Amino acid sequence: MAKSKHYYIRKTHRWLGVILGIQFLLWTIGGLYFSWSNMDEVHGDFQKKNAPLLSSNISLVSPAMVLDSIKQIHRVDSVVSIQLIEILGKPFYQVRCVSVLQNEPGHRHEMQSMNHLANAETGQLRGPLTQEEAIEVAKMRFSGEPKVASIKYFTTTNGHHEYRESPLPAYAITFEHPSKTTVYVASELGTIQKFRNSKWRIFDFLWMMHTMDYESRDHIGNWLLRAFSIFGLVTVLSGFALFFVSSKWRRKKIINYFPDINSKM
């Protein structure tokens, strides 16, 4: 006996529901957490002190003097930025520049990024922040009286790390705090880059589940998400189709038009 189209629609809908049900549940849980979360707490804004300001009476050397000193060390083809920043109460120039690596003819040129710090009052270049300096920088921006629980030094990170796609090398200073906050300080830039706490880590995990990007977590145009979105649409449409073909009023309408079908149904 041939199976009716109801059977195939019902079976398709059932299996799509099983396959997509877990992902729909994760999307719902993620959406609830996102909508009910205070983003200031997720970003750790409530733990951040305002950045210290520099006195207007400071005497600064020209950034061109600092740039000339850098050129004596290595080649500089382009300047990305020169910023005046504060490090432990003193003014420094943060210089980000680029040099083009010389390759063989016909080969693609590669760019090398370089970061430098220089005392803005004297023009003297200095090295990256030490571990002790990085800890003090983090303490000055963290509210309360923080105690250091651990410190790590990173030169590389993967796509799942909470400090992914951020300036390296960097120090990760974790404080003894209920939020388990870690402050990331870029050693060559001399500045804090990120605050990461427990709420942010939950948010980040659910965001990965939401975007279905299990490599970098932030790519919302990946093919897996696109495929599941289409499957979800098909599931909803098949549910509507199943409701329509199975409804009593439709069967009654068919019987009224074709009375002989009643004896076969």
C-alpha atoms as a PDB file:
ATOM      1  CA  MET A   1       0.000   0.000   0.000  1.00  0.00           C
ATOM      2  CA  ALA A   2       1.399   3.376  -1.025  1.00  0.00           C
ATOM      3  CA  LYS A   3       2.181   5.709   1.808  1.00  0.00           C
ATOM      4  CA  SER A   4       0.383   9.047   1.868  1.00  0.00           C
ATOM      5  CA  LYS A   5       2.118  12.392   1.596  1.00  0.00           C
ATOM      6  CA  HIS A   6       1.066  12.980   5.220  1.00  0.00           C
ATOM      7  CA  TYR A   7       3.445  10.209   6.219  1.00  0.00           C
ATOM      8  CA  TYR A   8       6.433  11.730   4.440  1.00  0.00           C
ATOM      9  CA  ILE A   9       5.743  15.242   5.683  1.00  0.00           C
ATOM     10  CA  ARG A  10       5.294  13.950   9.235  1.00  0.00           C
ATOM     11  CA  LYS A  11       8.470  11.874   9.067  1.00  0.00           C
ATOM     12  CA  THR A  12      10.515  14.748   7.603  1.00  0.00           C
ATOM     13  CA  HIS A  13       9.206  17.120  10.255  1.00  0.00           C
ATOM     14  CA  ARG A  14       9.970  14.646  13.050  1.00  0.00           C
ATOM     15  CA  TRP A  15      13.586  14.049  12.018  1.00  0.00           C
ATOM     16  CA  LEU A  16      14.267  17.723  11.363  1.00  0.00           C
ATOM     17  CA  GLY A  17      12.853  18.449  14.823  1.00  0.00           C
ATOM     18  CA  VAL A  18      15.213  15.908  16.417  1.00  0.00           C
ATOM     19  CA  ILE A  19      18.253  17.243  14.552  1.00  0.00           C
ATOM     20  CA  LEU A  20      17.473  20.903  15.156  1.00  0.00           C
ATOM     21  CA  GLY A  21      15.893  20.624  18.587  1.00  0.00           C
ATOM     22  CA  ILE A  22      19.169  20.733  20.515  1.00  0.00           C
ATOM     23  CA  GLN A  23      20.456  23.708  18.531  1.00  0.00           C
ATOM     24  CA  PHE A  24      17.137  25.541  18.964  1.00  0.00           C
ATOM     25  CA  LEU A  25      17.428  24.950  22.704  1.00  0.00           C
ATOM     26  CA  LEU A  26      20.974  26.366  22.728  1.00  0.00           C
ATOM     27  CA  TRP A  27      19.842  29.395  20.706  1.00  0.00           C
ATOM     28  CA  THR A  28      17.031  29.981  23.202  1.00  0.00           C
ATOM     29  CA  ILE A  29      19.278  29.620  26.259  1.00  0.00           C
ATOM     30  CA  GLY A  30      21.842  31.940  24.690  1.00  0.00           C
ATOM     31  CA  GLY A  31      19.198  34.501  23.785  1.00  0.00           C
ATOM     32  CA  LEU A  32      17.816  34.468  27.325  1.00  0.00           C
ATOM     33  CA  TYR A  33      21.292  34.971  28.820  1.00  0.00           C
ATOM     34  CA  PHE A  34      22.138  37.767  26.376  1.00  0.00           C
ATOM     35  CA  SER A  35      18.884  39.634  26.954  1.00  0.00           C
ATOM     36  CA  TRP A  36      18.956  39.273  30.748  1.00  0.00           C
ATOM     37  CA  SER A  37      22.639  40.129  31.192  1.00  0.00           C
ATOM     38  CA  ASN A  38      23.943  43.535  32.182  1.00  0.00           C
ATOM     39  CA  MET A  39      26.573  44.238  29.531  1.00  0.00           C
ATOM     40  CA  ASP A  40      28.475  46.562  31.858  1.00  0.00           C
ATOM     41  CA  GLU A  41      28.996  43.590  34.169  1.00  0.00           C
ATOM     42  CA  VAL A  42      29.878  41.289  31.273  1.00  0.00           C
ATOM     43  CA  HIS A  43      32.505  43.764  30.062  1.00  0.00           C
ATOM     44  CA  GLY A  44      33.762  44.345  33.608  1.00  0.00           C
ATOM     45  CA  ASP A  45      33.062  48.091  33.437  1.00  0.00           C
ATOM     46  CA  PHE A  46      32.032  48.167  37.095  1.00  0.00           C
ATOM     47  CA  GLN A  47      35.552  47.025  38.017  1.00  0.00           C
ATOM     48  CA  LYS A  48      37.419  49.608  35.960  1.00  0.00           C
ATOM     49  CA  LYS A  49      38.792  52.792  37.438  1.00  0.00           C
ATOM     50  CA  ASN A  50      39.030  55.835  35.209  1.00  0.00           C
ATOM     51  CA  ALA A  51      42.357  56.146  33.424  1.00  0.00           C
ATOM     52  CA  PRO A  52      44.715  58.585  35.209  1.00  0.00           C
ATOM     53  CA  LEU A  53      45.144  61.954  33.503  1.00  0.00           C
ATOM     54  CA  LEU A  54      48.434  63.680  32.782  1.00  0.00           C
ATOM     55  CA  SER A  55      49.194  67.167  34.013  1.00  0.00           C
ATOM     56  CA  SER A  56      48.928  69.985  31.482  1.00  0.00           C
ATOM     57  CA  ASN A  57      52.226  71.368  32.795  1.00  0.00           C
ATOM     58  CA  ILE A  58      54.376  68.547  31.455  1.00  0.00           C
ATOM     59  CA  SER A  59      57.112  69.403  28.980  1.00  0.00           C
ATOM     60  CA  LEU A  60      57.075  67.097  25.963  1.00  0.00           C
ATOM     61  CA  VAL A  61      59.647  66.459  23.261  1.00  0.00           C
ATOM     62  CA  SER A  62      58.571  66.248  19.626  1.00  0.00           C
ATOM     63  CA  PRO A  63      57.321  62.843  18.430  1.00  0.00           C
ATOM     64  CA  ALA A  64      59.588  63.364  15.396  1.00  0.00           C
ATOM     65  CA  MET A  65      62.588  63.078  17.728  1.00  0.00           C
ATOM     66  CA  VAL A  66      61.329  59.707  18.954  1.00  0.00           C
ATOM     67  CA  LEU A  67      60.673  58.538  15.408  1.00  0.00           C
ATOM     68  CA  ASP A  68      64.246  59.454  14.418  1.00  0.00           C
ATOM     69  CA  SER A  69      65.566  57.382  17.322  1.00  0.00           C
ATOM     70  CA  ILE A  70      63.495  54.389  16.164  1.00  0.00           C
ATOM     71  CA  LYS A  71      64.799  54.736  12.594  1.00  0.00           C
ATOM     72  CA  GLN A  72      68.338  54.423  13.909  1.00  0.00           C
ATOM     73  CA  ILE A  73      67.440  50.948  15.223  1.00  0.00           C
ATOM     74  CA  HIS A  74      65.544  49.534  12.253  1.00  0.00           C
ATOM     75  CA  ARG A  75      63.804  50.523   9.059  1.00  0.00           C
ATOM     76  CA  VAL A  76      60.421  52.286   9.271  1.00  0.00           C
ATOM     77  CA  ASP A  77      58.305  52.485   6.120  1.00  0.00           C
ATOM     78  CA  SER A  78      54.997  53.633   7.602  1.00  0.00           C
ATOM     79  CA  VAL A  79      53.689  55.004  10.872  1.00  0.00           C
ATOM     80  CA  VAL A  80      50.424  53.472  12.097  1.00  0.00           C
ATOM     81  CA  SER A  81      49.932  55.726  15.118  1.00  0.00           C
ATOM     82  CA  ILE A  82      51.696  57.839  17.717  1.00  0.00           C
ATOM     83  CA  GLN A  83      49.815  58.300  20.990  1.00  0.00           C
ATOM     84  CA  LEU A  84      50.566  60.003  24.249  1.00  0.00           C
ATOM     85  CA  ILE A  85      49.771  57.600  27.076  1.00  0.00           C
ATOM     86  CA  GLU A  86      50.252  57.406  30.831  1.00  0.00           C
ATOM     87  CA  ILE A  87      52.258  54.593  32.425  1.00  0.00           C
ATOM     88  CA  LEU A  88      52.508  54.618  36.215  1.00  0.00           C
ATOM     89  CA  GLY A  89      52.132  58.380  36.408  1.00  0.00           C
ATOM     90  CA  LYS A  90      54.614  59.267  33.640  1.00  0.00           C
ATOM     91  CA  PRO A  91      53.974  60.341  30.017  1.00  0.00           C
ATOM     92  CA  PHE A  92      55.102  58.038  27.226  1.00  0.00           C
ATOM     93  CA  TYR A  93      54.786  57.995  23.460  1.00  0.00           C
ATOM     94  CA  GLN A  94      53.326  54.779  22.115  1.00  0.00           C
ATOM     95  CA  VAL A  95      54.604  54.394  18.555  1.00  0.00           C
ATOM     96  CA  ARG A  96      53.200  51.771  16.204  1.00  0.00           C
ATOM     97  CA  CYS A  97      54.977  51.455  12.883  1.00  0.00           C
ATOM     98  CA  VAL A  98      55.431  49.092   9.959  1.00  0.00           C
ATOM     99  CA  SER A  99      58.392  48.009   7.849  1.00  0.00           C
ATOM    100  CA  VAL A 100      58.307  46.076   4.580  1.00  0.00           C
ATOM    101  CA  LEU A 101      60.425  42.955   4.538  1.00  0.00           C
ATOM    102  CA  GLN A 102      62.573  42.679   1.439  1.00  0.00           C
ATOM    103  CA  ASN A 103      61.840  39.476  -0.465  1.00  0.00           C
ATOM    104  CA  GLU A 104      63.133  38.012  -3.689  1.00  0.00           C
ATOM    105  CA  PRO A 105      61.908  39.652  -6.928  1.00  0.00           C
ATOM    106  CA  GLY A 106      58.480  38.435  -7.971  1.00  0.00           C
ATOM    107  CA  HIS A 107      57.518  37.443  -4.462  1.00  0.00           C
ATOM    108  CA  ARG A 108      54.907  39.121  -2.324  1.00  0.00           C
ATOM    109  CA  HIS A 109      56.160  41.697   0.192  1.00  0.00           C
ATOM    110  CA  GLU A 110      55.465  41.000   3.864  1.00  0.00           C
ATOM    111  CA  MET A 111      54.693  43.649   6.467  1.00  0.00           C
ATOM    112  CA  GLN A 112      56.281  43.588   9.906  1.00  0.00           C
ATOM    113  CA  SER A 113      54.559  45.514  12.690  1.00  0.00           C
ATOM    114  CA  MET A 114      56.613  47.036  15.490  1.00  0.00           C
ATOM    115  CA  ASN A 115      55.670  48.793  18.702  1.00  0.00           C
ATOM    116  CA  HIS A 116      57.852  51.126  20.754  1.00  0.00           C
ATOM    117  CA  LEU A 117      57.568  53.091  23.962  1.00  0.00           C
ATOM    118  CA  ALA A 118      59.491  56.285  24.581  1.00  0.00           C
ATOM    119  CA  ASN A 119      59.621  58.689  27.491  1.00  0.00           C
ATOM    120  CA  ALA A 120      57.660  61.708  26.237  1.00  0.00           C
ATOM    121  CA  GLU A 121      59.681  64.125  28.403  1.00  0.00           C
ATOM    122  CA  THR A 122      63.140  62.979  27.320  1.00  0.00           C
ATOM    123  CA  GLY A 123      62.546  61.065  24.093  1.00  0.00           C
ATOM    124  CA  GLN A 124      64.469  58.076  25.413  1.00  0.00           C
ATOM    125  CA  LEU A 125      63.281  54.715  24.140  1.00  0.00           C
ATOM    126  CA  ARG A 126      62.453  52.016  26.641  1.00  0.00           C
ATOM    127  CA  GLY A 127      61.688  48.312  26.433  1.00  0.00           C
ATOM    128  CA  PRO A 128      58.369  46.527  26.984  1.00  0.00           C
ATOM    129  CA  LEU A 129      56.743  46.520  30.406  1.00  0.00           C
ATOM    130  CA  THR A 130      58.251  44.182  32.957  1.00  0.00           C
ATOM    131  CA  GLN A 131      56.053  41.779  34.895  1.00  0.00           C
ATOM    132  CA  GLU A 132      56.168  44.021  37.966  1.00  0.00           C
ATOM    133  CA  GLU A 133      55.176  47.074  35.914  1.00  0.00           C
ATOM    134  CA  ALA A 134      52.324  45.186  34.245  1.00  0.00           C
ATOM    135  CA  ILE A 135      50.975  44.181  37.667  1.00  0.00           C
ATOM    136  CA  GLU A 136      51.067  47.784  38.876  1.00  0.00           C
ATOM    137  CA  VAL A 137      49.336  49.008  35.709  1.00  0.00           C
ATOM    138  CA  ALA A 138      46.570  46.433  36.210  1.00  0.00           C
ATOM    139  CA  LYS A 139      46.192  47.292  39.915  1.00  0.00           C
ATOM    140  CA  MET A 140      45.849  50.999  39.180  1.00  0.00           C
ATOM    141  CA  ARG A 141      42.857  50.360  36.888  1.00  0.00           C
ATOM    142  CA  PHE A 142      41.135  47.657  38.982  1.00  0.00           C
ATOM    143  CA  SER A 143      38.669  48.925  41.604  1.00  0.00           C
ATOM    144  CA  GLY A 144      39.150  48.092  45.266  1.00  0.00           C
ATOM    145  CA  GLU A 145      42.336  46.675  46.749  1.00  0.00           C
ATOM    146  CA  PRO A 146      43.083  43.751  44.441  1.00  0.00           C
ATOM    147  CA  LYS A 147      45.416  40.907  45.327  1.00  0.00           C
ATOM    148  CA  VAL A 148      47.127  39.025  42.540  1.00  0.00           C
ATOM    149  CA  ALA A 149      46.114  35.368  42.311  1.00  0.00           C
ATOM    150  CA  SER A 150      48.193  34.451  39.259  1.00  0.00           C
ATOM    151  CA  ILE A 151      50.075  35.958  36.343  1.00  0.00           C
ATOM    152  CA  LYS A 152      50.890  34.525  32.919  1.00  0.00           C
ATOM    153  CA  TYR A 153      52.836  35.797  29.955  1.00  0.00           C
ATOM    154  CA  PHE A 154      51.424  35.109  26.471  1.00  0.00           C
ATOM    155  CA  THR A 155      53.169  35.323  23.123  1.00  0.00           C
ATOM    156  CA  THR A 156      50.529  33.360  21.181  1.00  0.00           C
ATOM    157  CA  THR A 157      46.830  32.509  21.589  1.00  0.00           C
ATOM    158  CA  ASN A 158      44.364  30.300  19.735  1.00  0.00           C
ATOM    159  CA  GLY A 159      40.922  31.083  18.346  1.00  0.00           C
ATOM    160  CA  HIS A 160      39.177  30.037  21.556  1.00  0.00           C
ATOM    161  CA  HIS A 161      41.291  32.033  23.993  1.00  0.00           C
ATOM    162  CA  GLU A 162      39.528  34.909  25.742  1.00  0.00           C
ATOM    163  CA  TYR A 163      42.340  37.225  24.604  1.00  0.00           C
ATOM    164  CA  ARG A 164      42.113  36.133  20.959  1.00  0.00           C
ATOM    165  CA  GLU A 165      42.991  38.572  18.165  1.00  0.00           C
ATOM    166  CA  SER A 166      44.495  41.079  20.596  1.00  0.00           C
ATOM    167  CA  PRO A 167      47.981  42.630  20.779  1.00  0.00           C
ATOM    168  CA  LEU A 168      50.751  40.276  21.866  1.00  0.00           C
ATOM    169  CA  PRO A 169      52.860  39.688  23.863  1.00  0.00           C
ATOM    170  CA  ALA A 170      50.751  40.350  26.916  1.00  0.00           C
ATOM    171  CA  TYR A 171      50.531  39.691  30.638  1.00  0.00           C
ATOM    172  CA  ALA A 172      47.395  38.093  32.070  1.00  0.00           C
ATOM    173  CA  ILE A 173      46.958  39.226  35.684  1.00  0.00           C
ATOM    174  CA  THR A 174      44.190  37.386  37.544  1.00  0.00           C
ATOM    175  CA  PHE A 175      42.982  38.894  40.822  1.00  0.00           C
ATOM    176  CA  GLU A 176      41.500  37.287  43.917  1.00  0.00           C
ATOM    177  CA  HIS A 177      37.935  38.388  43.357  1.00  0.00           C
ATOM    178  CA  PRO A 178      34.547  36.598  43.219  1.00  0.00           C
ATOM    179  CA  SER A 179      34.287  37.503  39.529  1.00  0.00           C
ATOM    180  CA  LYS A 180      37.662  35.817  38.794  1.00  0.00           C
ATOM    181  CA  THR A 181      38.646  38.808  36.698  1.00  0.00           C
ATOM    182  CA  THR A 182      41.756  38.708  34.528  1.00  0.00           C
ATOM    183  CA  VAL A 183      43.293  41.943  33.266  1.00  0.00           C
ATOM    184  CA  TYR A 184      45.332  41.733  30.070  1.00  0.00           C
ATOM    185  CA  VAL A 185      48.195  44.195  29.632  1.00  0.00           C
ATOM    186  CA  ALA A 186      50.043  44.420  26.296  1.00  0.00           C
ATOM    187  CA  SER A 187      53.702  44.656  27.264  1.00  0.00           C
ATOM    188  CA  GLU A 188      54.951  46.429  24.118  1.00  0.00           C
ATOM    189  CA  LEU A 189      52.045  48.915  24.070  1.00  0.00           C
ATOM    190  CA  GLY A 190      52.129  49.577  27.812  1.00  0.00           C
ATOM    191  CA  THR A 191      48.331  49.626  28.108  1.00  0.00           C
ATOM    192  CA  ILE A 192      45.453  47.479  29.353  1.00  0.00           C
ATOM    193  CA  GLN A 193      43.625  45.764  26.516  1.00  0.00           C
ATOM    194  CA  LYS A 194      40.842  43.694  28.098  1.00  0.00           C
ATOM    195  CA  PHE A 195      39.006  42.801  31.317  1.00  0.00           C
ATOM    196  CA  ARG A 196      37.664  39.257  31.362  1.00  0.00           C
ATOM    197  CA  ASN A 197      35.464  37.818  34.133  1.00  0.00           C
ATOM    198  CA  SER A 198      33.222  34.809  34.807  1.00  0.00           C
ATOM    199  CA  LYS A 199      30.118  36.414  33.276  1.00  0.00           C
ATOM    200  CA  TRP A 200      32.016  37.267  30.116  1.00  0.00           C
ATOM    201  CA  ARG A 201      33.282  33.677  29.822  1.00  0.00           C
ATOM    202  CA  ILE A 202      29.723  32.310  30.073  1.00  0.00           C
ATOM    203  CA  PHE A 203      28.621  34.897  27.521  1.00  0.00           C
ATOM    204  CA  ASP A 204      31.471  33.927  25.193  1.00  0.00           C
ATOM    205  CA  PHE A 205      30.684  30.197  25.401  1.00  0.00           C
ATOM    206  CA  LEU A 206      26.988  30.762  24.703  1.00  0.00           C
ATOM    207  CA  TRP A 207      27.913  33.110  21.869  1.00  0.00           C
ATOM    208  CA  MET A 208      29.965  30.307  20.309  1.00  0.00           C
ATOM    209  CA  MET A 209      26.932  28.013  20.596  1.00  0.00           C
ATOM    210  CA  HIS A 210      24.753  30.770  19.132  1.00  0.00           C
ATOM    211  CA  THR A 211      26.953  31.490  16.104  1.00  0.00           C
ATOM    212  CA  MET A 212      27.968  27.819  15.685  1.00  0.00           C
ATOM    213  CA  ASP A 213      31.493  29.014  14.942  1.00  0.00           C
ATOM    214  CA  TYR A 214      33.594  26.416  16.737  1.00  0.00           C
ATOM    215  CA  GLU A 215      36.902  27.721  15.378  1.00  0.00           C
ATOM    216  CA  SER A 216      37.058  31.455  16.050  1.00  0.00           C
ATOM    217  CA  ARG A 217      33.680  31.926  17.839  1.00  0.00           C
ATOM    218  CA  ASP A 218      32.940  35.283  16.193  1.00  0.00           C
ATOM    219  CA  HIS A 219      32.240  34.462  12.536  1.00  0.00           C
ATOM    220  CA  ILE A 220      28.464  34.646  12.136  1.00  0.00           C
ATOM    221  CA  GLY A 221      28.549  33.961   8.385  1.00  0.00           C
ATOM    222  CA  ASN A 222      29.849  30.390   8.616  1.00  0.00           C
ATOM    223  CA  TRP A 223      28.232  27.666   6.506  1.00  0.00           C
ATOM    224  CA  LEU A 224      27.140  25.550   9.463  1.00  0.00           C
ATOM    225  CA  LEU A 225      25.000  28.392  10.821  1.00  0.00           C
ATOM    226  CA  ARG A 226      23.604  29.087   7.367  1.00  0.00           C
ATOM    227  CA  ALA A 227      22.699  25.424   6.866  1.00  0.00           C
ATOM    228  CA  PHE A 228      20.969  25.137  10.241  1.00  0.00           C
ATOM    229  CA  SER A 229      19.076  28.352   9.575  1.00  0.00           C
ATOM    230  CA  ILE A 230      17.736  26.878   6.325  1.00  0.00           C
ATOM    231  CA  PHE A 231      16.904  23.578   8.050  1.00  0.00           C
ATOM    232  CA  GLY A 232      15.067  25.531  10.717  1.00  0.00           C
ATOM    233  CA  LEU A 233      13.001  27.322   8.088  1.00  0.00           C
ATOM    234  CA  VAL A 234      12.190  23.992   6.409  1.00  0.00           C
ATOM    235  CA  THR A 235      11.157  22.537   9.788  1.00  0.00           C
ATOM    236  CA  VAL A 236       8.763  25.407  10.460  1.00  0.00           C
ATOM    237  CA  LEU A 237       7.299  25.250   6.954  1.00  0.00           C
ATOM    238  CA  SER A 238       6.867  21.475   7.161  1.00  0.00           C
ATOM    239  CA  GLY A 239       5.043  21.972  10.466  1.00  0.00           C
ATOM    240  CA  PHE A 240       2.634  24.404   8.818  1.00  0.00           C
ATOM    241  CA  ALA A 241       2.197  22.002   5.893  1.00  0.00           C
ATOM    242  CA  LEU A 242       1.498  19.114   8.271  1.00  0.00           C
ATOM    243  CA  PHE A 243      -1.068  21.189  10.133  1.00  0.00           C
ATOM    244  CA  PHE A 244      -2.741  22.147   6.876  1.00  0.00           C
ATOM    245  CA  VAL A 245      -2.957  18.672   5.305  1.00  0.00           C
ATOM    246  CA  SER A 246      -4.017  17.049   8.599  1.00  0.00           C
ATOM    247  CA  SER A 247      -6.655  19.556   9.659  1.00  0.00           C
ATOM    248  CA  LYS A 248     -10.264  18.313  10.044  1.00  0.00           C
ATOM    249  CA  TRP A 249     -11.808  21.200   8.139  1.00  0.00           C
ATOM    250  CA  ARG A 250      -9.653  20.427   5.106  1.00  0.00           C
ATOM    251  CA  ARG A 251     -10.565  16.735   5.182  1.00  0.00           C
ATOM    252  CA  LYS A 252     -14.227  17.644   5.523  1.00  0.00           C
ATOM    253  CA  LYS A 253     -13.932  19.966   2.562  1.00  0.00           C
ATOM    254  CA  ILE A 254     -12.349  17.225   0.436  1.00  0.00           C
ATOM    255  CA  ILE A 255     -15.090  14.744   1.425  1.00  0.00           C
ATOM    256  CA  ASN A 256     -17.778  17.244   0.448  1.00  0.00           C
ATOM    257  CA  TYR A 257     -16.228  17.558  -2.995  1.00  0.00           C
ATOM    258  CA  PHE A 258     -15.477  13.836  -3.364  1.00  0.00           C
ATOM    259  CA  PRO A 259     -18.072  11.795  -1.368  1.00  0.00           C
ATOM    260  CA  ASP A 260     -16.658   8.471  -2.609  1.00  0.00           C
ATOM    261  CA  ILE A 261     -13.388   9.155  -0.778  1.00  0.00           C
ATOM    262  CA  ASN A 262     -15.106   8.820   2.627  1.00  0.00           C
ATOM    263  CA  SER A 263     -15.436   5.072   2.166  1.00  0.00           C
ATOM    264  CA  LYS A 264     -11.700   4.808   1.397  1.00  0.00           C
ATOM    265  CA  MET A 265     -10.403   6.991   4.271  1.00  0.00           C
END
